[in-house]
Amino acid sequence: MSRVKRSVHGRKKRRTTLELAKGYRGDASRHYRAAKEAVLKADQYRYRDRRNRKRDFRRLWITRINAGARQHGLSYSQFMHGLGLAGVELDRKVLADIAVRDADTFRRFAERAREALAAG
């Protein structure tokens, strides 16, 4: 078996890890062993939080829609059910944006939802 000299690849791997850890506090930005652990943990947080971001935004949108619906005498669930019955197929992201930026349009959606609830 021939000998494999590893210094070039080892150095490259360590340099890459230390570059990823740039800006971390203390030893985590300067010492390879600490930096390696910090980068691994950061990757775990990044993976987890890409999923959590979706949950957080959905919660925010629902809160905003609920606040807008309650100004017009409907709960969130009544509002969404009424929109479904009325055939309005807007997602929560768009509805939340309308609730925040355009109160008059949101009022019309609330009226359509109330009419659909009364009819069906």
Protein backbone atom coordinates (compact mmCIF):
# COMPACT_ATOMS: atom_id res chain seq x y z
CA MET A 1 0.00 0.00 0.00
CA SER A 2 1.44 3.37 -0.98
CA ARG A 3 1.58 6.26 1.41
CA VAL A 4 -0.97 9.09 1.11
CA LYS A 5 0.25 12.55 2.07
CA ARG A 6 -2.71 14.48 3.49
CA SER A 7 -1.40 17.88 4.49
CA VAL A 8 -2.87 19.76 1.53
CA HIS A 9 -6.38 18.34 1.93
CA GLY A 10 -6.29 18.57 5.71
CA ARG A 11 -5.27 22.22 5.57
CA LYS A 12 -7.95 22.95 2.99
CA LYS A 13 -10.62 21.35 5.17
CA ARG A 14 -9.51 23.29 8.25
CA ARG A 15 -9.31 26.56 6.32
CA THR A 16 -12.84 26.05 4.95
CA THR A 17 -14.21 25.36 8.43
CA LEU A 18 -12.49 28.43 9.89
CA GLU A 19 -13.85 30.58 7.05
CA LEU A 20 -17.36 29.32 7.80
CA ALA A 21 -16.81 30.22 11.46
CA LYS A 22 -15.71 33.78 10.68
CA GLY A 23 -17.48 36.20 13.00
CA TYR A 24 -18.16 33.63 15.74
CA ARG A 25 -17.20 34.65 19.27
CA GLY A 26 -14.02 33.61 21.04
CA ASP A 27 -12.26 30.35 20.23
CA ALA A 28 -15.01 29.33 17.81
CA SER A 29 -13.61 31.68 15.18
CA ARG A 30 -9.92 30.94 15.78
CA HIS A 31 -9.41 27.33 16.88
CA TYR A 32 -10.30 24.51 14.52
CA ARG A 33 -11.77 22.10 17.07
CA ALA A 34 -14.11 24.71 18.56
CA ALA A 35 -14.92 26.11 15.12
CA LYS A 36 -15.83 22.66 13.78
CA GLU A 37 -18.35 22.10 16.59
CA ALA A 38 -19.78 25.60 16.22
CA VAL A 39 -20.21 25.20 12.45
CA LEU A 40 -21.92 21.81 12.90
CA LYS A 41 -24.30 23.30 15.48
CA ALA A 42 -24.97 26.33 13.27
CA ASP A 43 -25.90 24.01 10.40
CA GLN A 44 -28.34 22.18 12.66
CA TYR A 45 -29.96 25.46 13.69
CA ARG A 46 -30.11 26.60 10.07
CA TYR A 47 -31.83 23.37 8.96
CA ARG A 48 -34.32 23.52 11.85
CA ASP A 49 -35.09 27.19 11.47
CA ARG A 50 -35.78 26.99 7.74
CA ARG A 51 -38.75 24.86 8.76
CA ASN A 52 -39.67 26.95 11.80
CA ARG A 53 -39.74 30.12 9.66
CA LYS A 54 -42.69 28.66 7.73
CA ARG A 55 -44.57 28.05 10.98
CA ASP A 56 -43.76 31.49 12.35
CA PHE A 57 -44.99 33.31 9.25
CA ARG A 58 -48.20 31.27 9.12
CA ARG A 59 -48.86 32.19 12.77
CA LEU A 60 -48.23 35.87 11.98
CA TRP A 61 -50.57 35.79 8.99
CA ILE A 62 -53.33 34.11 10.99
CA THR A 63 -52.94 36.68 13.79
CA ARG A 64 -53.25 39.56 11.33
CA ILE A 65 -56.26 38.06 9.57
CA ASN A 66 -57.93 37.40 12.93
CA ALA A 67 -57.38 41.01 14.03
CA GLY A 68 -58.86 42.30 10.78
CA ALA A 69 -61.81 39.90 10.90
CA ARG A 70 -62.67 40.82 14.49
CA GLN A 71 -62.86 44.50 13.51
CA HIS A 72 -65.73 43.43 11.26
CA GLY A 73 -67.47 41.23 13.83
CA LEU A 74 -66.16 37.84 12.68
CA SER A 75 -63.77 35.38 14.25
CA TYR A 76 -60.86 34.04 12.20
CA SER A 77 -62.53 30.66 11.70
CA GLN A 78 -65.86 32.21 10.66
CA PHE A 79 -64.06 34.54 8.26
CA MET A 80 -62.04 31.76 6.61
CA HIS A 81 -65.06 29.45 6.41
CA GLY A 82 -67.16 32.23 4.89
CA LEU A 83 -64.48 32.94 2.30
CA GLY A 84 -64.41 29.25 1.42
CA LEU A 85 -68.16 29.18 0.98
CA ALA A 86 -67.98 32.36 -1.11
CA GLY A 87 -65.40 30.75 -3.37
CA VAL A 88 -62.61 33.21 -2.53
CA GLU A 89 -59.34 31.33 -2.95
CA LEU A 90 -56.74 33.69 -1.53
CA ASP A 91 -54.02 32.29 0.70
CA ARG A 92 -53.30 33.53 4.20
CA LYS A 93 -50.21 35.46 3.11
CA VAL A 94 -52.19 37.61 0.69
CA LEU A 95 -55.14 38.03 3.06
CA ALA A 96 -52.81 39.16 5.87
CA ASP A 97 -51.18 41.69 3.54
CA ILE A 98 -54.60 43.03 2.53
CA ALA A 99 -55.66 43.22 6.19
CA VAL A 100 -52.61 45.34 7.04
CA ARG A 101 -52.37 47.55 3.94
CA ASP A 102 -55.90 47.90 2.50
CA ALA A 103 -58.66 48.03 5.11
CA ASP A 104 -61.39 48.84 2.58
CA THR A 105 -60.70 45.75 0.45
CA PHE A 106 -60.53 43.59 3.58
CA ARG A 107 -63.92 44.99 4.68
CA ARG A 108 -65.40 43.84 1.35
CA PHE A 109 -63.95 40.36 1.89
CA ALA A 110 -65.47 40.31 5.38
CA GLU A 111 -68.87 41.28 3.94
CA ARG A 112 -68.66 38.51 1.31
CA ALA A 113 -67.73 36.02 4.01
CA ARG A 114 -70.67 37.13 6.18
CA GLU A 115 -73.10 36.87 3.23
CA ALA A 116 -71.85 33.39 2.36
CA LEU A 117 -72.20 32.29 6.00
CA ALA A 118 -75.78 33.60 6.10
CA ALA A 119 -76.67 31.91 2.80
CA GLY A 120 -75.07 28.57 3.48
